[in-house]
Amino acid sequence: MLAKANRIVSATDYRRLVRSGRRARGSLTLAYGHRSAPGAPLRMGVIVARNVGNAVVRNRVRRRIKAVGWALAQDVEGLDVVLRALPSAAAADFTQIDGEVRRLVGVLRERA
């Protein structure tokens, strides 16, 4: 689970990132990112809509994305990221989600 300092929780932060953040698209997720203060911890939010699957599937996908975010929080600084799971994420295993989320966060870090 992500630490409190690494979570995006307010609706205004989600809205700001989705509307004005840089985008990176993968086959399983869509990432929105924006630079925050230098040295600030990575903050991450996850959106998993109903089109991904039933509640069990959505929660599994959410937990997997958050687990990758927890590992990334130790390496990445100064970035706010919102990850939106696409329906194809329901059939993906953890290694596929891990690889894609790491790749997309790296792309956003370079672009932002």
Protein backbone atom coordinates (compact mmCIF):
# COMPACT_ATOMS: atom_id res chain seq x y z
CA MET A 1 0.00 0.00 0.00
CA LEU A 2 1.18 3.50 -0.76
CA ALA A 3 2.21 5.71 2.14
CA LYS A 4 0.00 8.69 2.83
CA ALA A 5 2.63 11.09 1.44
CA ASN A 6 2.61 9.14 -1.84
CA ARG A 7 -1.15 9.20 -2.48
CA ILE A 8 -3.24 11.58 -4.52
CA VAL A 9 -6.58 11.79 -2.75
CA SER A 10 -8.34 15.02 -3.67
CA ALA A 11 -10.67 15.25 -6.62
CA THR A 12 -9.12 18.55 -7.67
CA ASP A 13 -5.68 16.94 -7.95
CA TYR A 14 -7.09 14.09 -10.04
CA ARG A 15 -8.94 16.55 -12.27
CA ARG A 16 -5.89 18.79 -12.68
CA LEU A 17 -3.65 15.90 -13.70
CA VAL A 18 -6.12 14.30 -16.09
CA ARG A 19 -7.00 17.58 -17.79
CA SER A 20 -3.61 19.31 -17.97
CA GLY A 21 -0.99 16.65 -17.32
CA ARG A 22 1.26 14.99 -19.88
CA ARG A 23 -0.08 11.70 -21.23
CA ALA A 24 1.55 8.38 -21.94
CA ARG A 25 -0.47 5.44 -23.24
CA GLY A 26 0.23 1.76 -22.94
CA SER A 27 -1.78 -1.31 -23.80
CA LEU A 28 -2.92 -1.81 -20.18
CA THR A 29 -2.93 1.67 -18.67
CA LEU A 30 -3.07 5.34 -19.51
CA ALA A 31 -0.83 7.60 -17.41
CA TYR A 32 -1.13 11.32 -16.74
CA GLY A 33 1.77 13.12 -15.09
CA HIS A 34 2.87 16.54 -13.96
CA ARG A 35 6.04 17.79 -12.29
CA SER A 36 5.74 18.73 -8.65
CA ALA A 37 8.30 20.43 -6.42
CA PRO A 38 11.88 19.17 -6.84
CA GLY A 39 12.69 16.63 -4.15
CA ALA A 40 9.01 16.04 -3.38
CA PRO A 41 7.99 12.39 -3.15
CA LEU A 42 6.23 10.59 -6.01
CA ARG A 43 2.47 10.94 -5.58
CA MET A 44 0.23 8.46 -7.33
CA GLY A 45 -3.47 7.99 -7.92
CA VAL A 46 -5.27 5.08 -9.55
CA ILE A 47 -8.52 5.07 -11.55
CA VAL A 48 -10.15 1.72 -12.33
CA ALA A 49 -13.55 2.14 -13.99
CA ARG A 50 -16.36 -0.39 -14.23
CA ASN A 51 -15.47 -1.27 -17.81
CA VAL A 52 -12.40 -3.13 -16.47
CA GLY A 53 -14.54 -5.80 -14.80
CA ASN A 54 -16.50 -6.63 -11.69
CA ALA A 55 -15.46 -5.45 -8.22
CA VAL A 56 -13.09 -8.36 -7.62
CA VAL A 57 -11.23 -7.76 -10.87
CA ARG A 58 -11.10 -3.98 -10.39
CA ASN A 59 -9.69 -4.33 -6.89
CA ARG A 60 -7.07 -6.83 -8.08
CA VAL A 61 -5.94 -4.45 -10.81
CA ARG A 62 -5.89 -1.52 -8.34
CA ARG A 63 -3.80 -3.49 -5.83
CA ARG A 64 -1.29 -4.49 -8.51
CA ILE A 65 -0.86 -0.93 -9.74
CA LYS A 66 -0.46 0.36 -6.20
CA ALA A 67 2.16 -2.31 -5.46
CA VAL A 68 4.22 -1.08 -8.41
CA GLY A 69 3.74 2.51 -7.20
CA TRP A 70 5.03 1.57 -3.77
CA ALA A 71 8.22 0.20 -5.33
CA LEU A 72 8.61 3.25 -7.59
CA ALA A 73 8.13 5.71 -4.71
CA GLN A 74 11.62 4.92 -3.47
CA ASP A 75 13.25 5.78 -6.83
CA VAL A 76 11.17 8.59 -8.37
CA GLU A 77 10.88 12.11 -6.97
CA GLY A 78 9.12 15.31 -8.02
CA LEU A 79 6.30 13.76 -10.03
CA ASP A 80 2.53 13.42 -9.63
CA VAL A 81 1.00 10.54 -11.62
CA VAL A 82 -2.54 9.29 -12.19
CA LEU A 83 -2.86 5.86 -13.78
CA ARG A 84 -6.12 4.86 -15.47
CA ALA A 85 -6.52 1.12 -16.00
CA LEU A 86 -7.82 0.04 -19.38
CA PRO A 87 -10.09 -3.02 -19.82
CA SER A 88 -7.14 -5.10 -21.08
CA ALA A 89 -5.53 -4.80 -17.61
CA ALA A 90 -8.09 -7.27 -16.25
CA ALA A 91 -6.43 -10.17 -18.07
CA ALA A 92 -2.84 -9.05 -17.42
CA ASP A 93 -0.61 -10.61 -14.79
CA PHE A 94 1.51 -8.66 -12.31
CA THR A 95 4.71 -8.70 -14.37
CA GLN A 96 2.96 -7.17 -17.37
CA ILE A 97 1.40 -4.41 -15.25
CA ASP A 98 4.71 -3.83 -13.46
CA GLY A 99 6.66 -3.43 -16.68
CA GLU A 100 4.15 -1.10 -18.28
CA VAL A 101 3.66 1.15 -15.25
CA ARG A 102 7.44 1.50 -14.80
CA ARG A 103 7.84 2.32 -18.50
CA LEU A 104 5.04 4.92 -18.50
CA VAL A 105 6.31 6.62 -15.33
CA GLY A 106 9.76 6.79 -16.93
CA VAL A 107 8.28 8.38 -20.05
CA LEU A 108 6.37 10.93 -17.97
CA ARG A 109 9.48 11.76 -15.94
CA GLU A 110 11.33 12.58 -19.17
CA ARG A 111 8.46 14.59 -20.70
CA ALA A 112 7.36 16.60 -17.66
